[in-house]
N, C-alpha and C. Protein backbone atom coordinates (compact mmCIF):
# COMPACT_ATOMS: atom_id res chain seq x y z
N UNK A 1 14.45 28.90 -26.53
CA UNK A 1 15.44 27.89 -25.72
C UNK A 1 16.55 29.18 -25.55
N UNK A 2 16.80 28.74 -24.03
CA UNK A 2 18.42 29.88 -24.11
C UNK A 2 19.64 29.36 -24.86
N UNK A 3 20.60 30.21 -25.04
CA UNK A 3 21.40 29.77 -25.30
C UNK A 3 22.88 29.79 -24.94
N UNK A 4 24.13 29.29 -25.10
CA UNK A 4 25.57 29.56 -23.68
C UNK A 4 25.58 29.30 -22.70
N UNK A 5 25.80 30.40 -22.02
CA UNK A 5 25.94 29.80 -20.37
C UNK A 5 24.27 29.95 -19.77
N UNK A 6 23.30 30.65 -20.45
CA UNK A 6 21.93 30.41 -20.11
C UNK A 6 21.19 28.77 -19.65
N UNK A 7 21.67 28.32 -21.28
CA UNK A 7 21.35 26.80 -21.48
C UNK A 7 21.87 26.05 -20.50
N UNK A 8 23.38 26.33 -20.73
CA UNK A 8 24.32 25.86 -19.18
C UNK A 8 23.55 25.28 -17.54
N UNK A 9 23.13 26.56 -17.38
CA UNK A 9 22.63 26.86 -16.22
C UNK A 9 21.13 26.25 -15.66
N UNK A 10 20.47 26.69 -16.67
CA UNK A 10 19.08 25.92 -17.42
C UNK A 10 19.53 24.15 -16.97
N UNK A 11 20.36 23.50 -17.46
CA UNK A 11 20.39 21.90 -17.44
C UNK A 11 21.11 21.68 -16.15
N UNK A 12 21.65 22.41 -15.82
CA UNK A 12 22.24 22.40 -13.96
C UNK A 12 21.36 22.29 -13.36
N UNK A 13 20.14 23.21 -13.47
CA UNK A 13 18.96 22.96 -12.48
C UNK A 13 18.43 22.00 -12.48
N UNK A 14 17.89 21.75 -13.96
CA UNK A 14 17.13 20.81 -14.20
C UNK A 14 17.65 18.89 -13.37
N UNK A 15 18.83 19.08 -13.44
CA UNK A 15 20.12 18.01 -13.02
C UNK A 15 19.82 17.61 -11.46
N UNK A 16 20.01 19.24 -11.23
CA UNK A 16 20.03 19.07 -9.45
C UNK A 16 18.51 18.63 -8.75
N UNK A 17 17.37 19.23 -9.42
CA UNK A 17 15.97 19.06 -9.37
C UNK A 17 15.50 17.24 -9.27
N UNK A 18 16.52 16.93 -10.62
CA UNK A 18 16.23 15.32 -10.74
C UNK A 18 17.06 14.70 -9.49
N UNK A 19 18.20 14.93 -9.33
CA UNK A 19 19.04 14.88 -7.94
C UNK A 19 17.88 14.72 -6.34
N UNK A 20 17.15 15.77 -6.47
CA UNK A 20 16.71 15.97 -5.06
C UNK A 20 15.91 14.86 -4.68
N UNK A 21 14.76 14.97 -5.62
CA UNK A 21 13.04 14.21 -5.56
C UNK A 21 13.82 12.57 -4.58
N UNK A 22 14.95 11.95 -5.16
CA UNK A 22 15.13 10.65 -4.80
C UNK A 22 16.15 10.52 -3.49
N UNK A 23 16.88 11.99 -3.31
CA UNK A 23 17.68 11.74 -1.56
C UNK A 23 16.94 12.28 -0.96
N UNK A 24 15.11 13.49 -1.21
CA UNK A 24 14.05 13.49 -0.06
C UNK A 24 13.70 12.23 0.26
N UNK A 25 13.18 11.48 -0.35
CA UNK A 25 12.71 10.22 0.20
C UNK A 25 13.65 9.31 0.77
N UNK A 26 15.03 9.36 0.47
CA UNK A 26 16.09 8.14 0.86
C UNK A 26 16.35 8.63 2.19
N UNK A 27 16.33 9.95 2.68
CA UNK A 27 16.77 10.82 4.00
C UNK A 27 15.45 11.08 4.57
N UNK A 28 14.11 10.77 4.40
CA UNK A 28 13.22 10.90 5.31
C UNK A 28 13.09 9.23 5.59
N UNK A 29 13.17 8.53 4.76
CA UNK A 29 12.81 7.27 5.25
C UNK A 29 14.22 6.82 6.38
N UNK A 30 15.33 7.43 5.99
CA UNK A 30 16.39 6.73 7.01
C UNK A 30 15.81 7.87 8.38
N UNK A 31 15.78 8.72 8.23
CA UNK A 31 15.19 9.64 9.40
C UNK A 31 14.19 8.99 10.43
N UNK A 32 13.02 8.44 9.71
CA UNK A 32 12.00 7.73 10.31
C UNK A 32 12.65 6.45 11.22
N UNK A 33 13.53 5.79 10.01
CA UNK A 33 14.18 4.51 10.61
C UNK A 33 15.10 4.61 11.91
N UNK A 34 15.83 5.64 11.86
CA UNK A 34 16.94 6.22 13.07
C UNK A 34 15.94 6.58 14.17
N UNK A 35 15.21 7.16 14.05
CA UNK A 35 14.39 8.01 15.23
C UNK A 35 13.85 6.64 15.50
N UNK A 36 13.00 5.83 15.13
CA UNK A 36 12.48 4.82 15.03
C UNK A 36 13.50 3.57 16.23
N UNK A 37 14.47 3.61 15.70
CA UNK A 37 15.53 2.68 16.31
C UNK A 37 16.38 3.43 17.86
N UNK A 38 16.03 5.01 17.88
CA UNK A 38 16.44 5.57 19.06
C UNK A 38 15.42 5.09 20.16
N UNK A 39 14.70 5.44 19.39
CA UNK A 39 13.10 5.39 20.63
C UNK A 39 12.49 3.55 21.00
N UNK A 40 13.21 3.07 19.97
CA UNK A 40 13.29 1.14 20.84
C UNK A 40 14.22 1.46 22.10
N UNK A 41 15.17 1.68 21.33
CA UNK A 41 16.48 1.56 22.65
C UNK A 41 15.94 2.75 23.84
N UNK A 42 14.95 3.48 23.77
CA UNK A 42 14.77 4.69 25.06
C UNK A 42 13.93 3.38 25.92
N UNK A 43 13.05 2.50 25.09
CA UNK A 43 11.74 1.63 25.30
C UNK A 43 12.59 0.58 26.91
N UNK A 44 13.89 0.22 25.96
CA UNK A 44 14.77 -0.66 26.80
C UNK A 44 15.34 -0.35 27.80
N UNK A 45 15.46 1.50 27.81
CA UNK A 45 16.24 1.44 29.00
C UNK A 45 15.40 2.33 29.72
N UNK A 46 13.94 2.31 29.63
CA UNK A 46 13.46 2.95 30.39
C UNK A 46 12.61 1.84 31.79
N UNK A 47 12.82 2.49 32.88
CA UNK A 47 12.49 1.59 34.07
C UNK A 47 10.98 0.80 33.82
N UNK A 48 10.90 -0.60 33.78
CA UNK A 48 9.71 -1.21 33.39
C UNK A 48 8.69 -0.97 35.30
N UNK A 49 7.40 -0.24 34.76
CA UNK A 49 6.81 -0.16 36.38
C UNK A 49 5.28 -1.40 35.98
N UNK A 50 4.65 -1.07 37.09
CA UNK A 50 3.81 -2.70 36.98
C UNK A 50 2.60 -2.24 35.59
N UNK A 51 2.30 -0.81 35.36
CA UNK A 51 1.73 -0.90 34.36
C UNK A 51 1.97 -0.98 32.44
N UNK A 52 3.87 -0.68 32.69
CA UNK A 52 4.62 -0.30 31.57
C UNK A 52 4.30 0.78 30.58
N UNK A 53 3.35 1.55 31.36
CA UNK A 53 3.13 3.02 30.71
C UNK A 53 4.10 3.73 29.73
N UNK A 54 5.60 3.76 30.89
CA UNK A 54 6.57 4.61 31.02
C UNK A 54 7.01 4.07 29.37
N UNK A 55 7.40 2.52 28.93
CA UNK A 55 8.05 2.46 27.05
C UNK A 55 6.33 2.71 26.52
N UNK A 56 5.58 2.16 26.80
CA UNK A 56 3.92 2.56 26.03
C UNK A 56 4.26 4.02 25.49
N UNK A 57 4.40 4.51 25.90
CA UNK A 57 4.49 6.12 26.01
C UNK A 57 5.31 7.07 24.85
N UNK A 58 6.67 6.27 24.73
CA UNK A 58 7.37 6.68 24.06
C UNK A 58 7.46 6.33 22.17
N UNK A 59 7.32 7.29 21.64
CA UNK A 59 7.14 7.27 20.59
C UNK A 59 7.72 8.15 19.72
N UNK A 60 7.57 7.67 18.00
CA UNK A 60 8.07 9.15 17.09
C UNK A 60 6.91 9.37 16.60
N UNK A 61 6.83 10.87 16.15
CA UNK A 61 6.15 12.11 15.95
C UNK A 61 6.61 12.76 14.57
N UNK A 62 5.87 13.35 13.64
CA UNK A 62 6.45 14.25 12.58
C UNK A 62 7.25 15.15 13.15
N UNK A 63 7.71 15.89 12.99
CA UNK A 63 8.51 17.66 13.22
C UNK A 63 7.51 18.89 12.60
N UNK A 64 7.73 20.11 13.06
CA UNK A 64 7.58 21.01 12.16
C UNK A 64 8.18 21.05 10.99
N UNK A 65 9.07 20.32 10.44
CA UNK A 65 9.68 21.13 9.47
C UNK A 65 9.73 19.82 8.74
N UNK A 66 10.12 19.74 7.14
CA UNK A 66 10.20 18.40 6.23
C UNK A 66 10.91 17.59 6.20
N UNK A 67 12.58 17.42 6.77
CA UNK A 67 13.09 17.18 8.03
C UNK A 67 13.23 16.91 9.26
N UNK A 68 12.09 16.82 9.88
CA UNK A 68 11.96 16.97 11.14
C UNK A 68 11.27 15.75 11.85
N UNK A 69 11.62 15.14 12.76
CA UNK A 69 10.99 14.02 13.25
C UNK A 69 10.81 14.04 15.30
N UNK A 70 10.55 14.34 15.52
CA UNK A 70 10.61 14.27 17.72
C UNK A 70 10.27 12.72 17.88
N UNK A 71 11.07 12.85 18.87
CA UNK A 71 11.00 11.63 20.03
C UNK A 71 10.24 12.26 20.90
N UNK A 72 9.51 11.29 21.35
CA UNK A 72 8.54 12.20 23.26
C UNK A 72 8.75 10.66 23.77
N UNK A 73 8.46 11.30 25.21
CA UNK A 73 7.76 9.90 26.14
C UNK A 73 7.19 10.74 27.40
N UNK A 74 6.12 10.29 27.69
CA UNK A 74 5.44 10.58 28.76
C UNK A 74 4.56 10.77 27.93
N UNK A 75 2.91 12.20 28.16
CA UNK A 75 1.91 12.36 27.64
C UNK A 75 0.51 11.89 28.95
N UNK A 76 -0.11 11.47 28.38
CA UNK A 76 -2.02 10.76 28.92
C UNK A 76 -1.51 9.42 29.58
N UNK A 77 -0.29 8.00 29.14
CA UNK A 77 -0.35 7.41 29.89
C UNK A 77 0.23 7.80 30.77
N UNK A 78 1.33 8.55 31.17
CA UNK A 78 1.69 8.84 32.12
C UNK A 78 1.58 10.16 33.16
N UNK A 79 0.51 10.17 32.85
CA UNK A 79 0.18 11.38 33.97
C UNK A 79 -0.74 10.80 34.49
N UNK A 80 -0.22 11.98 36.03
CA UNK A 80 -1.18 11.27 37.55
C UNK A 80 -1.65 12.33 38.23
N UNK A 81 -2.71 12.03 39.44
CA UNK A 81 -2.78 13.12 40.30
C UNK A 81 -1.62 13.48 40.59
N UNK A 82 -1.21 14.87 41.47
CA UNK A 82 0.14 14.38 42.41
C UNK A 82 -0.11 13.78 43.71
N UNK A 83 -1.26 14.14 44.03
CA UNK A 83 -1.53 13.28 45.36
C UNK A 83 -2.98 13.10 45.21
N UNK A 84 -3.63 11.80 45.58
CA UNK A 84 -4.45 11.21 45.85
C UNK A 84 -5.88 12.67 45.94
N UNK A 85 -6.66 12.61 45.59
CA UNK A 85 -7.84 13.47 46.10
C UNK A 85 -7.25 14.85 45.40
N UNK A 86 -6.37 15.51 44.49
CA UNK A 86 -6.55 16.52 44.11
C UNK A 86 -5.88 16.83 42.87
N UNK A 87 -6.79 18.09 42.40
CA UNK A 87 -6.48 18.31 40.85
C UNK A 87 -5.60 18.35 40.12
N UNK A 88 -4.60 18.50 40.63
CA UNK A 88 -3.50 18.88 40.02
C UNK A 88 -2.40 17.72 39.00
N UNK A 89 -2.16 18.00 38.20
CA UNK A 89 -1.47 16.35 37.49
C UNK A 89 0.04 16.74 37.42
N UNK A 90 0.92 15.51 37.29
CA UNK A 90 1.88 15.41 36.73
C UNK A 90 2.60 14.41 36.18
N UNK A 91 3.09 14.70 35.05
CA UNK A 91 4.01 13.66 34.14
C UNK A 91 5.37 12.77 34.81
N UNK A 92 4.86 11.85 35.41
CA UNK A 92 6.26 10.64 36.31
C UNK A 92 6.93 10.42 35.31
N UNK A 93 7.15 10.73 33.78
CA UNK A 93 8.24 10.28 32.91
C UNK A 93 9.48 11.32 33.24
N UNK A 94 8.79 12.67 33.48
CA UNK A 94 9.69 13.43 34.06
C UNK A 94 10.69 13.47 35.29
N UNK A 95 9.63 12.87 36.34
CA UNK A 95 9.99 12.33 37.79
C UNK A 95 11.12 10.94 37.32
N UNK A 96 11.10 10.74 36.39
CA UNK A 96 11.45 9.41 35.82
C UNK A 96 13.22 9.99 35.71
N UNK A 97 12.84 10.47 34.64
CA UNK A 97 14.44 11.07 33.79
C UNK A 97 15.35 11.88 34.30
N UNK A 98 14.53 13.12 35.38
CA UNK A 98 15.27 14.08 35.85
C UNK A 98 15.19 13.38 37.91
N UNK A 99 14.20 12.71 38.31
CA UNK A 99 14.66 12.64 39.33
C UNK A 99 13.66 13.99 40.25
N UNK A 100 13.09 13.10 41.46
CA UNK A 100 12.14 14.09 42.38
C UNK A 100 13.36 14.22 43.65
N UNK A 101 11.73 15.01 44.38
CA UNK A 101 12.51 14.97 45.85
C UNK A 101 12.89 13.80 46.66
N UNK A 102 11.77 12.80 46.39
CA UNK A 102 11.49 11.72 46.89
C UNK A 102 12.23 10.70 46.12
N UNK A 103 12.61 11.00 44.52
CA UNK A 103 13.05 9.64 44.39
C UNK A 103 14.28 10.20 43.58
N UNK A 104 15.54 9.41 43.11
CA UNK A 104 16.59 9.81 42.08
C UNK A 104 16.31 9.55 41.04
N UNK A 105 17.17 10.41 39.59
CA UNK A 105 16.90 10.16 38.27
C UNK A 105 16.74 8.78 38.20
N UNK A 106 16.26 8.27 37.24
CA UNK A 106 16.53 6.92 36.24
C UNK A 106 16.39 7.30 35.17
N UNK A 107 18.05 8.12 34.49
CA UNK A 107 17.18 8.60 33.14
C UNK A 107 17.61 7.52 31.76
N UNK A 108 16.62 7.72 31.03
CA UNK A 108 16.39 7.00 30.09
C UNK A 108 16.04 7.04 28.52
N UNK A 109 15.84 8.70 28.68
CA UNK A 109 15.46 9.70 27.93
C UNK A 109 16.98 10.21 26.68
N UNK A 110 17.36 11.12 27.58
CA UNK A 110 18.18 11.64 26.72
C UNK A 110 20.13 11.40 26.83
N UNK A 111 20.26 9.83 27.49
CA UNK A 111 21.21 9.43 27.20
C UNK A 111 21.44 8.90 26.26
N UNK A 112 20.27 8.06 26.37
CA UNK A 112 20.19 7.23 25.44
C UNK A 112 20.05 7.94 23.59
N UNK A 113 19.02 8.94 23.47
CA UNK A 113 19.03 9.74 22.41
C UNK A 113 20.88 10.49 21.98
N UNK A 114 21.49 11.00 23.12
CA UNK A 114 23.15 11.14 22.94
C UNK A 114 23.28 10.41 22.36
N UNK A 115 23.61 8.76 22.93
CA UNK A 115 24.39 7.67 22.45
C UNK A 115 24.71 7.48 21.70
N UNK A 116 23.06 7.70 20.77
CA UNK A 116 22.54 7.10 19.37
C UNK A 116 23.01 8.43 18.43
N UNK A 117 23.06 9.05 18.75
CA UNK A 117 22.64 10.64 17.99
C UNK A 117 23.73 10.66 16.51
N UNK A 118 24.79 10.49 17.07
CA UNK A 118 25.78 10.73 15.96
C UNK A 118 25.32 9.55 14.80
N UNK A 119 25.25 8.70 15.47
CA UNK A 119 25.49 6.94 14.56
C UNK A 119 24.01 7.41 13.54
N UNK A 120 23.06 8.09 14.29
CA UNK A 120 21.70 8.49 13.47
C UNK A 120 22.04 9.32 12.28
N UNK A 121 22.99 10.47 12.68
CA UNK A 121 23.13 11.70 11.22
C UNK A 121 23.90 10.66 10.34
N UNK A 122 24.90 9.73 10.92
CA UNK A 122 25.58 9.23 9.85
C UNK A 122 25.02 8.52 9.17
N UNK A 123 24.07 7.72 9.75
CA UNK A 123 23.25 6.62 8.61
C UNK A 123 22.34 7.72 7.75
N UNK A 124 21.84 8.71 8.25
CA UNK A 124 21.02 9.83 7.24
C UNK A 124 22.19 10.48 6.52
N UNK A 125 22.86 11.06 6.97
CA UNK A 125 23.91 11.55 5.49
C UNK A 125 24.42 10.22 4.41
N UNK A 126 24.75 9.08 4.95
CA UNK A 126 25.30 7.97 3.89
C UNK A 126 23.68 7.95 3.42
N UNK A 127 22.55 7.51 3.94
CA UNK A 127 21.44 7.60 2.49
C UNK A 127 20.95 8.32 1.91
N UNK A 128 21.52 9.75 2.29
CA UNK A 128 21.33 11.05 1.20
C UNK A 128 22.23 10.65 0.08
N UNK A 129 23.40 10.40 0.55
CA UNK A 129 24.83 10.35 -0.80
C UNK A 129 24.71 9.57 -1.62
N UNK A 130 24.26 8.15 -0.79
CA UNK A 130 24.01 7.02 -1.92
C UNK A 130 22.88 7.48 -2.85
N UNK A 131 21.87 8.17 -2.29
CA UNK A 131 20.56 8.27 -3.53
C UNK A 131 20.86 9.22 -4.09
N UNK A 132 21.95 10.11 -3.54
CA UNK A 132 22.11 11.18 -5.37
C UNK A 132 23.29 10.34 -5.68
N UNK A 133 24.38 9.93 -5.29
CA UNK A 133 25.28 9.23 -6.72
C UNK A 133 24.33 7.94 -7.35
N UNK A 134 23.15 7.48 -6.85
CA UNK A 134 22.51 6.19 -7.19
C UNK A 134 21.98 7.36 -9.10
N UNK A 135 21.24 8.05 -8.39
CA UNK A 135 20.21 8.76 -9.48
C UNK A 135 21.28 9.48 -10.29
N UNK A 136 22.52 10.03 -9.98
CA UNK A 136 23.48 10.25 -10.95
C UNK A 136 24.14 9.80 -11.82
N UNK A 137 24.27 8.16 -11.58
CA UNK A 137 24.53 7.14 -12.47
C UNK A 137 23.41 6.94 -13.08
N UNK A 138 22.28 7.16 -12.64
CA UNK A 138 21.03 6.72 -13.81
C UNK A 138 21.03 7.85 -15.35
N UNK A 139 21.06 9.01 -14.38
CA UNK A 139 21.18 10.15 -15.29
C UNK A 139 22.61 10.37 -16.11
N UNK A 140 23.66 9.42 -16.08
CA UNK A 140 24.87 9.19 -16.98
C UNK A 140 25.88 10.51 -16.69
N UNK A 141 25.78 11.22 -15.12
CA UNK A 141 26.86 11.97 -15.18
C UNK A 141 28.03 11.38 -13.91
N UNK A 142 27.69 10.21 -13.27
CA UNK A 142 28.47 9.20 -13.10
C UNK A 142 28.83 8.01 -13.44
N UNK A 143 30.01 7.75 -14.61
CA UNK A 143 30.74 6.21 -15.06
C UNK A 143 31.05 5.79 -14.46
N UNK A 144 31.04 4.50 -14.01
CA UNK A 144 31.34 3.82 -12.69
C UNK A 144 32.05 2.76 -13.85
């Protein structure tokens, strides 16, 4: 067993490791909750067509990193031929968001994301901080 400063360093490493797991769980849970909230707001903001497929296409998927989620709209539900009889396909979710030559824009995705981004970040940050503080209290590092 190390003694002196090495012993303190080892203890600090154990403490930090014990704080990381609850914080990770809390952050991931809040990350998905915040993304779900933003996706719901996007569904509300999306123009309603006869099929409702644009709203149905808004979804939350895992991102590439451990703490990453992706909110998407469009895909197979909103992809159709450019013109009848042609093989070229077109995702009308993009045309709705940004407009086309024949139709003006009806933004629902980026404006909703930007309006809710700060609130989501704050909620995620608060969840991580609360989890770390709660674990530190349980481990006896914070006395209230």
